Amino acid sequence: MSKFKLPGKTEPVRRNFSIVDLRAVDDGNFIEGHPAIYDQMTNIGGWFNEIIERGAFDTCDFDDVLFSVNHDLRKIPLARSRRNNGNSTMQLTLDDLGLSIRANLDVENNNEARSLHSAVKRGDIDGMSFIFYVDEEKWEDLESDMPTRRIQKIKKVIEVSAVNFPAYSGTDINARDQDVLDNAKMALENARSQLDNSKNEQDELEFLKLKNQILMKG
């Protein structure tokens, strides 16, 4: 077994998706949208492509999920899902597209909630993103210039956000988010190190087999 551990399983990951379906519901003060989409290939910082596979959320922990704007976790959340029950101010569901949310905003008592509802209704904010922890993943074509990371199981979602920049300009990570870019680079480097260690272990096993064959013949 390799001593390397992929950082995606221990570090929170943040991803944007290019689908634009964030909307303000006229019947009440609700916000609806998809913070995560299945089977969409995304270029991560120019380092690798990434796909969240269908079923990745099936065993996910949605015990406590915040709803924010632009991932500003320093501010009071605009809604919150606790154990994803009907009494929470946000519900999360899985559908054919991916992870869907419906958040009930307190526009009467919270100025930021009122501003967000207005901005979404006007179309000034139209994207979503989420923060999560990876549980299981598979890497493909690690020896190529652009490998692919398939996220098979997501362990936990801790936050979803309405975001200003949902669509990619060739990538969903750029200079505005250096920490996330560094994490992506580290994930690829460690995955390749794991591959190299596996190859070295295989080469050593082959050498031992050959050595034993020679000794037995002697």
C-alpha atoms as a PDB file:
ATOM      1  CA  MET A   1       0.000   0.000   0.000  1.00  0.00           C
ATOM      2  CA  SER A   2       1.222   3.498  -0.763  1.00  0.00           C
ATOM      3  CA  LYS A   3       1.994   5.878   2.078  1.00  0.00           C
ATOM      4  CA  PHE A   4       0.444   8.746   0.099  1.00  0.00           C
ATOM      5  CA  LYS A   5      -3.099   9.848   0.816  1.00  0.00           C
ATOM      6  CA  LEU A   6      -5.075  11.927  -1.618  1.00  0.00           C
ATOM      7  CA  PRO A   7      -5.894  15.313  -0.071  1.00  0.00           C
ATOM      8  CA  GLY A   8      -9.378  15.321  -1.534  1.00  0.00           C
ATOM      9  CA  LYS A   9     -10.459  12.868   1.162  1.00  0.00           C
ATOM     10  CA  THR A  10      -9.232  14.988   4.058  1.00  0.00           C
ATOM     11  CA  GLU A  11      -9.573  18.514   2.721  1.00  0.00           C
ATOM     12  CA  PRO A  12     -12.814  20.275   1.807  1.00  0.00           C
ATOM     13  CA  VAL A  13     -13.317  20.651  -1.937  1.00  0.00           C
ATOM     14  CA  ARG A  14     -15.178  23.503  -3.602  1.00  0.00           C
ATOM     15  CA  ARG A  15     -16.654  23.229  -7.079  1.00  0.00           C
ATOM     16  CA  ASN A  16     -18.785  25.391  -9.375  1.00  0.00           C
ATOM     17  CA  PHE A  17     -21.008  24.058 -12.150  1.00  0.00           C
ATOM     18  CA  SER A  18     -21.861  25.670 -15.445  1.00  0.00           C
ATOM     19  CA  ILE A  19     -25.566  24.828 -15.403  1.00  0.00           C
ATOM     20  CA  VAL A  20     -27.484  28.042 -14.793  1.00  0.00           C
ATOM     21  CA  ASP A  21     -30.763  27.190 -13.083  1.00  0.00           C
ATOM     22  CA  LEU A  22     -30.701  29.158  -9.834  1.00  0.00           C
ATOM     23  CA  ARG A  23     -34.077  30.834  -9.521  1.00  0.00           C
ATOM     24  CA  ALA A  24     -36.254  32.780  -7.107  1.00  0.00           C
ATOM     25  CA  VAL A  25     -39.700  31.249  -6.633  1.00  0.00           C
ATOM     26  CA  ASP A  26     -42.544  33.761  -6.761  1.00  0.00           C
ATOM     27  CA  ASP A  27     -44.735  31.655  -4.471  1.00  0.00           C
ATOM     28  CA  GLY A  28     -43.019  32.513  -1.190  1.00  0.00           C
ATOM     29  CA  ASN A  29     -39.426  33.563  -0.688  1.00  0.00           C
ATOM     30  CA  PHE A  30     -37.671  30.449  -1.910  1.00  0.00           C
ATOM     31  CA  ILE A  31     -34.459  29.924  -3.836  1.00  0.00           C
ATOM     32  CA  GLU A  32     -34.086  26.751  -5.896  1.00  0.00           C
ATOM     33  CA  GLY A  33     -31.228  25.339  -7.935  1.00  0.00           C
ATOM     34  CA  HIS A  34     -28.582  22.662  -8.450  1.00  0.00           C
ATOM     35  CA  PRO A  35     -25.234  23.164  -6.686  1.00  0.00           C
ATOM     36  CA  ALA A  36     -23.853  19.889  -8.119  1.00  0.00           C
ATOM     37  CA  ILE A  37     -24.400  18.078 -11.424  1.00  0.00           C
ATOM     38  CA  TYR A  38     -23.758  14.453 -12.378  1.00  0.00           C
ATOM     39  CA  ASP A  39     -21.541  13.386 -15.287  1.00  0.00           C
ATOM     40  CA  GLN A  40     -20.345  16.872 -16.206  1.00  0.00           C
ATOM     41  CA  MET A  41     -16.664  16.922 -17.140  1.00  0.00           C
ATOM     42  CA  THR A  42     -14.974  19.911 -15.553  1.00  0.00           C
ATOM     43  CA  ASN A  43     -11.445  21.177 -16.092  1.00  0.00           C
ATOM     44  CA  ILE A  44      -9.856  21.769 -12.685  1.00  0.00           C
ATOM     45  CA  GLY A  45      -7.276  24.524 -12.862  1.00  0.00           C
ATOM     46  CA  GLY A  46      -5.730  23.116 -16.025  1.00  0.00           C
ATOM     47  CA  TRP A  47      -4.409  20.194 -13.961  1.00  0.00           C
ATOM     48  CA  PHE A  48      -7.021  17.512 -14.602  1.00  0.00           C
ATOM     49  CA  ASN A  49     -10.612  16.843 -15.614  1.00  0.00           C
ATOM     50  CA  GLU A  50     -13.117  15.854 -12.974  1.00  0.00           C
ATOM     51  CA  ILE A  51     -16.481  14.090 -13.102  1.00  0.00           C
ATOM     52  CA  ILE A  52     -18.969  13.524 -10.282  1.00  0.00           C
ATOM     53  CA  GLU A  53     -20.479  10.169 -11.122  1.00  0.00           C
ATOM     54  CA  ARG A  54     -24.168   9.393 -10.874  1.00  0.00           C
ATOM     55  CA  GLY A  55     -24.884   7.938  -7.446  1.00  0.00           C
ATOM     56  CA  ALA A  56     -22.019   9.809  -5.743  1.00  0.00           C
ATOM     57  CA  PHE A  57     -24.447  11.343  -3.242  1.00  0.00           C
ATOM     58  CA  ASP A  58     -26.352   8.141  -2.428  1.00  0.00           C
ATOM     59  CA  THR A  59     -24.638   7.614   0.948  1.00  0.00           C
ATOM     60  CA  CYS A  60     -23.653  11.249   1.536  1.00  0.00           C
ATOM     61  CA  ASP A  61     -23.945  12.898   4.959  1.00  0.00           C
ATOM     62  CA  PHE A  62     -26.352  15.839   4.686  1.00  0.00           C
ATOM     63  CA  ASP A  63     -26.688  16.160   8.453  1.00  0.00           C
ATOM     64  CA  ASP A  64     -25.865  19.870   8.629  1.00  0.00           C
ATOM     65  CA  VAL A  65     -25.565  21.981   5.463  1.00  0.00           C
ATOM     66  CA  LEU A  66     -25.359  25.773   5.299  1.00  0.00           C
ATOM     67  CA  PHE A  67     -26.642  28.038   2.534  1.00  0.00           C
ATOM     68  CA  SER A  68     -24.470  31.102   1.865  1.00  0.00           C
ATOM     69  CA  VAL A  69     -23.468  33.592  -0.810  1.00  0.00           C
ATOM     70  CA  ASN A  70     -20.054  33.165  -2.470  1.00  0.00           C
ATOM     71  CA  HIS A  71     -18.977  30.740   0.268  1.00  0.00           C
ATOM     72  CA  ASP A  72     -18.647  33.484   2.869  1.00  0.00           C
ATOM     73  CA  LEU A  73     -18.782  31.253   5.936  1.00  0.00           C
ATOM     74  CA  ARG A  74     -18.011  34.170   8.239  1.00  0.00           C
ATOM     75  CA  LYS A  75     -21.529  35.507   7.829  1.00  0.00           C
ATOM     76  CA  ILE A  76     -24.800  34.221   9.234  1.00  0.00           C
ATOM     77  CA  PRO A  77     -26.171  31.526   6.904  1.00  0.00           C
ATOM     78  CA  LEU A  78     -29.226  32.518   4.893  1.00  0.00           C
ATOM     79  CA  ALA A  79     -30.732  29.055   5.373  1.00  0.00           C
ATOM     80  CA  ARG A  80     -29.698  25.750   6.914  1.00  0.00           C
ATOM     81  CA  SER A  81     -30.542  22.083   6.575  1.00  0.00           C
ATOM     82  CA  ARG A  82     -30.364  20.059   9.781  1.00  0.00           C
ATOM     83  CA  ARG A  83     -30.703  16.343   9.148  1.00  0.00           C
ATOM     84  CA  ASN A  84     -32.480  17.391   5.955  1.00  0.00           C
ATOM     85  CA  ASN A  85     -35.879  17.320   7.621  1.00  0.00           C
ATOM     86  CA  GLY A  86     -39.030  19.198   6.750  1.00  0.00           C
ATOM     87  CA  ASN A  87     -38.574  21.674   9.614  1.00  0.00           C
ATOM     88  CA  SER A  88     -35.275  22.963   8.232  1.00  0.00           C
ATOM     89  CA  THR A  89     -35.092  26.206   6.277  1.00  0.00           C
ATOM     90  CA  MET A  90     -33.414  24.327   3.417  1.00  0.00           C
ATOM     91  CA  GLN A  91     -34.145  20.917   1.897  1.00  0.00           C
ATOM     92  CA  LEU A  92     -31.768  18.921  -0.282  1.00  0.00           C
ATOM     93  CA  THR A  93     -32.913  16.300  -2.758  1.00  0.00           C
ATOM     94  CA  LEU A  94     -31.365  14.126  -5.457  1.00  0.00           C
ATOM     95  CA  ASP A  95     -32.834  14.124  -8.956  1.00  0.00           C
ATOM     96  CA  ASP A  96     -31.760  13.165 -12.472  1.00  0.00           C
ATOM     97  CA  LEU A  97     -29.423  16.174 -12.750  1.00  0.00           C
ATOM     98  CA  GLY A  98     -27.704  15.873  -9.387  1.00  0.00           C
ATOM     99  CA  LEU A  99     -28.036  17.624  -6.035  1.00  0.00           C
ATOM    100  CA  SER A 100     -30.963  20.051  -5.805  1.00  0.00           C
ATOM    101  CA  ILE A 101     -31.768  22.542  -3.042  1.00  0.00           C
ATOM    102  CA  ARG A 102     -34.782  24.597  -1.991  1.00  0.00           C
ATOM    103  CA  ALA A 103     -34.020  27.332   0.552  1.00  0.00           C
ATOM    104  CA  ASN A 104     -36.596  29.412   2.400  1.00  0.00           C
ATOM    105  CA  LEU A 105     -35.206  32.939   2.868  1.00  0.00           C
ATOM    106  CA  ASP A 106     -36.238  35.305   5.638  1.00  0.00           C
ATOM    107  CA  VAL A 107     -36.549  38.395   3.468  1.00  0.00           C
ATOM    108  CA  GLU A 108     -38.542  40.256   6.121  1.00  0.00           C
ATOM    109  CA  ASN A 109     -35.870  40.224   8.830  1.00  0.00           C
ATOM    110  CA  ASN A 110     -32.613  39.603   6.970  1.00  0.00           C
ATOM    111  CA  ASN A 111     -31.369  42.285   4.591  1.00  0.00           C
ATOM    112  CA  GLU A 112     -28.873  39.945   2.927  1.00  0.00           C
ATOM    113  CA  ALA A 113     -31.581  37.357   2.308  1.00  0.00           C
ATOM    114  CA  ARG A 114     -33.768  40.029   0.746  1.00  0.00           C
ATOM    115  CA  SER A 115     -30.883  41.268  -1.414  1.00  0.00           C
ATOM    116  CA  LEU A 116     -30.079  37.746  -2.606  1.00  0.00           C
ATOM    117  CA  HIS A 117     -33.703  36.956  -3.463  1.00  0.00           C
ATOM    118  CA  SER A 118     -33.911  40.175  -5.470  1.00  0.00           C
ATOM    119  CA  ALA A 119     -30.578  39.552  -7.234  1.00  0.00           C
ATOM    120  CA  VAL A 120     -31.575  36.018  -8.222  1.00  0.00           C
ATOM    121  CA  LYS A 121     -34.992  37.168  -9.412  1.00  0.00           C
ATOM    122  CA  ARG A 122     -33.352  39.875 -11.557  1.00  0.00           C
ATOM    123  CA  GLY A 123     -30.818  37.376 -12.924  1.00  0.00           C
ATOM    124  CA  ASP A 124     -27.833  39.198 -11.420  1.00  0.00           C
ATOM    125  CA  ILE A 125     -26.825  36.027  -9.558  1.00  0.00           C
ATOM    126  CA  ASP A 126     -27.561  32.812 -11.427  1.00  0.00           C
ATOM    127  CA  GLY A 127     -25.094  30.120 -10.349  1.00  0.00           C
ATOM    128  CA  MET A 128     -24.372  27.707  -7.544  1.00  0.00           C
ATOM    129  CA  SER A 129     -21.415  25.972  -5.957  1.00  0.00           C
ATOM    130  CA  PHE A 130     -20.837  23.615  -3.038  1.00  0.00           C
ATOM    131  CA  ILE A 131     -18.213  22.506  -0.502  1.00  0.00           C
ATOM    132  CA  PHE A 132     -17.784  18.788   0.120  1.00  0.00           C
ATOM    133  CA  TYR A 133     -15.511  15.957   1.191  1.00  0.00           C
ATOM    134  CA  VAL A 134     -14.605  13.103  -1.145  1.00  0.00           C
ATOM    135  CA  ASP A 135     -15.028   9.516   0.050  1.00  0.00           C
ATOM    136  CA  GLU A 136     -14.161   7.391  -2.997  1.00  0.00           C
ATOM    137  CA  GLU A 137     -12.513   8.367  -6.276  1.00  0.00           C
ATOM    138  CA  LYS A 138     -10.824   6.824  -9.287  1.00  0.00           C
ATOM    139  CA  TRP A 139      -8.065   8.355 -11.395  1.00  0.00           C
ATOM    140  CA  GLU A 140      -7.672   7.640 -15.104  1.00  0.00           C
ATOM    141  CA  ASP A 141      -4.780   8.407 -17.504  1.00  0.00           C
ATOM    142  CA  LEU A 142      -2.481   9.691 -14.765  1.00  0.00           C
ATOM    143  CA  GLU A 143       0.477   9.514 -17.139  1.00  0.00           C
ATOM    144  CA  SER A 144      -1.183  11.884 -19.607  1.00  0.00           C
ATOM    145  CA  ASP A 145      -1.085  15.671 -19.579  1.00  0.00           C
ATOM    146  CA  MET A 146      -4.759  15.822 -18.633  1.00  0.00           C
ATOM    147  CA  PRO A 147      -5.851  12.894 -16.427  1.00  0.00           C
ATOM    148  CA  THR A 148      -9.411  12.412 -15.224  1.00  0.00           C
ATOM    149  CA  ARG A 149     -10.580  12.185 -11.628  1.00  0.00           C
ATOM    150  CA  ARG A 150     -13.911  10.394 -11.161  1.00  0.00           C
ATOM    151  CA  ILE A 151     -15.570  11.163  -7.837  1.00  0.00           C
ATOM    152  CA  GLN A 152     -17.572   8.031  -7.045  1.00  0.00           C
ATOM    153  CA  LYS A 153     -18.742   8.790  -3.513  1.00  0.00           C
ATOM    154  CA  ILE A 154     -19.048  12.086  -1.664  1.00  0.00           C
ATOM    155  CA  LYS A 155     -18.702  11.701   2.086  1.00  0.00           C
ATOM    156  CA  LYS A 156     -20.222  14.940   3.306  1.00  0.00           C
ATOM    157  CA  VAL A 157     -21.624  18.232   2.000  1.00  0.00           C
ATOM    158  CA  ILE A 158     -21.067  21.101   4.421  1.00  0.00           C
ATOM    159  CA  GLU A 159     -22.229  24.138   2.439  1.00  0.00           C
ATOM    160  CA  VAL A 160     -23.922  25.287  -0.766  1.00  0.00           C
ATOM    161  CA  SER A 161     -23.737  28.800  -2.158  1.00  0.00           C
ATOM    162  CA  ALA A 162     -25.283  31.145  -4.650  1.00  0.00           C
ATOM    163  CA  VAL A 163     -22.285  32.474  -6.591  1.00  0.00           C
ATOM    164  CA  ASN A 164     -21.483  35.346  -8.909  1.00  0.00           C
ATOM    165  CA  PHE A 165     -19.359  33.305 -11.325  1.00  0.00           C
ATOM    166  CA  PRO A 166     -20.918  29.901 -12.023  1.00  0.00           C
ATOM    167  CA  ALA A 167     -19.693  29.404 -15.577  1.00  0.00           C
ATOM    168  CA  TYR A 168     -16.132  28.437 -16.388  1.00  0.00           C
ATOM    169  CA  SER A 169     -13.639  30.409 -18.408  1.00  0.00           C
ATOM    170  CA  GLY A 170     -11.916  27.196 -19.439  1.00  0.00           C
ATOM    171  CA  THR A 171     -11.815  26.190 -15.793  1.00  0.00           C
ATOM    172  CA  ASP A 172     -13.734  26.642 -12.572  1.00  0.00           C
ATOM    173  CA  ILE A 173     -10.602  27.628 -10.678  1.00  0.00           C
ATOM    174  CA  ASN A 174      -8.468  30.671 -11.410  1.00  0.00           C
ATOM    175  CA  ALA A 175      -6.328  33.251  -9.650  1.00  0.00           C
ATOM    176  CA  ARG A 176      -9.336  34.337  -7.580  1.00  0.00           C
ATOM    177  CA  ASP A 177      -9.089  31.080  -5.630  1.00  0.00           C
ATOM    178  CA  GLN A 178      -5.447  30.162  -5.057  1.00  0.00           C
ATOM    179  CA  ASP A 179      -6.159  27.804  -2.139  1.00  0.00           C
ATOM    180  CA  VAL A 180      -8.463  25.660  -4.261  1.00  0.00           C
ATOM    181  CA  LEU A 181      -5.973  25.695  -7.121  1.00  0.00           C
ATOM    182  CA  ASP A 182      -3.190  24.562  -4.783  1.00  0.00           C
ATOM    183  CA  ASN A 183      -5.397  21.746  -3.495  1.00  0.00           C
ATOM    184  CA  ALA A 184      -6.110  20.580  -7.046  1.00  0.00           C
ATOM    185  CA  LYS A 185      -2.408  20.564  -7.907  1.00  0.00           C
ATOM    186  CA  MET A 186      -1.626  18.613  -4.726  1.00  0.00           C
ATOM    187  CA  ALA A 187      -4.325  16.051  -5.514  1.00  0.00           C
ATOM    188  CA  LEU A 188      -2.789  15.359  -8.916  1.00  0.00           C
ATOM    189  CA  GLU A 189       0.793  15.232  -7.609  1.00  0.00           C
ATOM    190  CA  ASN A 190      -0.130  12.795  -4.855  1.00  0.00           C
ATOM    191  CA  ALA A 191      -2.152  10.627  -7.216  1.00  0.00           C
ATOM    192  CA  ARG A 192       0.826  10.400  -9.555  1.00  0.00           C
ATOM    193  CA  SER A 193       3.122   9.643  -6.610  1.00  0.00           C
ATOM    194  CA  GLN A 194       0.761   6.852  -5.620  1.00  0.00           C
ATOM    195  CA  LEU A 195       0.934   5.484  -9.158  1.00  0.00           C
ATOM    196  CA  ASP A 196       4.743   5.648  -9.144  1.00  0.00           C
ATOM    197  CA  ASN A 197       4.910   3.825  -5.794  1.00  0.00           C
ATOM    198  CA  SER A 198       2.591   1.140  -7.115  1.00  0.00           C
ATOM    199  CA  LYS A 199       4.811   0.692 -10.162  1.00  0.00           C
ATOM    200  CA  ASN A 200       7.920   0.474  -7.974  1.00  0.00           C
ATOM    201  CA  GLU A 201       6.266  -2.158  -5.805  1.00  0.00           C
ATOM    202  CA  GLN A 202       5.274  -4.113  -8.907  1.00  0.00           C
ATOM    203  CA  ASP A 203       8.804  -3.866 -10.311  1.00  0.00           C
ATOM    204  CA  GLU A 204      10.206  -5.136  -7.001  1.00  0.00           C
ATOM    205  CA  LEU A 205       7.815  -8.095  -7.015  1.00  0.00           C
ATOM    206  CA  GLU A 206       8.798  -8.950 -10.584  1.00  0.00           C
ATOM    207  CA  PHE A 207      12.481  -8.761  -9.622  1.00  0.00           C
ATOM    208  CA  LEU A 208      11.944 -11.112  -6.657  1.00  0.00           C
ATOM    209  CA  LYS A 209      10.049 -13.583  -8.845  1.00  0.00           C
ATOM    210  CA  LEU A 210      12.851 -13.549 -11.408  1.00  0.00           C
ATOM    211  CA  LYS A 211      15.463 -13.969  -8.678  1.00  0.00           C
ATOM    212  CA  ASN A 212      13.626 -16.966  -7.223  1.00  0.00           C
ATOM    213  CA  GLN A 213      13.342 -18.550 -10.661  1.00  0.00           C
ATOM    214  CA  ILE A 214      17.095 -18.196 -11.191  1.00  0.00           C
ATOM    215  CA  LEU A 215      17.876 -19.633  -7.752  1.00  0.00           C
ATOM    216  CA  MET A 216      15.550 -22.592  -8.328  1.00  0.00           C
ATOM    217  CA  LYS A 217      17.207 -23.355 -11.671  1.00  0.00           C
ATOM    218  CA  GLY A 218      20.636 -23.146 -10.059  1.00  0.00           C
END
